[in-house]
Amino acid sequence: MNKRTLNNQTTIPTLGFGVFQIDENGTTKAAVLDAIKAGYRLIDTAASYCNEREVGAAIKTAIDEGLVTREELFVTSKLWVEDVTAERAPKAIQASLDRLQLDYLDLLLIHQPYNDIFGAWRAMEAAYRDGKLKAIGVSNFDESQITNLAEFSDIKPMVDQIEVNPFEQNIEKVKYLQAYGVQVEAWAPFAEGKNDLFKNDLLQSIGDKYGKSIAQVILRWLYQRNIIPLAKSVKPARMAQNLDVLDFELSADDMQQISTLDTNKSQFFSHRDPDMIKWMASRHIEY
């Protein structure tokens, strides 16, 4: 799999596997192991997903069985809101490493743009310098939030993981982040199937031209926008299909047609909603 280069010269795979909403009852371990077997090398989890232990177990099994080396994998996790403080962040970083059975993370993100962002970022910078983190970044930060953090910190965020899918294309935000030297990752690239995404006539017609599925068209669309998509599946055949998007290219007309699907609105919730911020502030993660 080819890679992109972050602003600290760390390389990151162009296609990622996400584990949001995969249960920690054996399902996550099986899914991650199947993803590695399929060819995924970027595995994205988070403390708030409550499945880091099984992600780590799968990685250990894959390494022990000789399927992959640790150096070939790019493992990402995220600090939950309650741990985004100067005091709690170092402990939370180590806790994630322990649950994942890893000596270092390839990328750690601040999951949401709330709480003591600067205090947590200083702790992340220290862990980065100590080698516990190979890259650091943020998730769900808008242009002003990431600029504020970057301009008043020693180390500039390397990644911003945001919602990007055909119905929420975040065109201007993506342009800004890319021009600012921040790699964009896309969560919910399939919008969790909302608006009958997998029955969309336009996307189906584009896929038919290339003998590709709607999911493959979306992943290729993101790839051509220099965005790293994080696709989720628990089905090995679907995992393999989601990786098989580098052998065709969407035309400029295809890209323009897909742009007409944009509603310029989150398919989930607004990060500016006070009630949502209050909910996140009150949510305590039980590990």
Foldseek 3Di string as FASTA:
>chain_A
DDWDAWPVRDTDDQAAAEDAPQDQPLLSLLQLLLLLVLPHQEYEEELQSVNLLSNLVNVVVCVVVVSDPPVSHAYEYEDAQVQQALVRLLVVLVVSCVSSVHQAHAEYEHEALDDNNQSNVVSVVVCCVVVRYVFYAYEPDFPVSQCVNQVPDPDRHGEYEYADELAAHVVVRLVSCVVVRHAYEHEPRVLVCPPVQQVDPLLCVQCVVVVAGSLLSSSLLCVVSRYHYHDYDSDSVVSNRNVPNPPDHDDPVSNVVSNVNYPNDRSPDDSPDPVVVVVSVPDDDDD
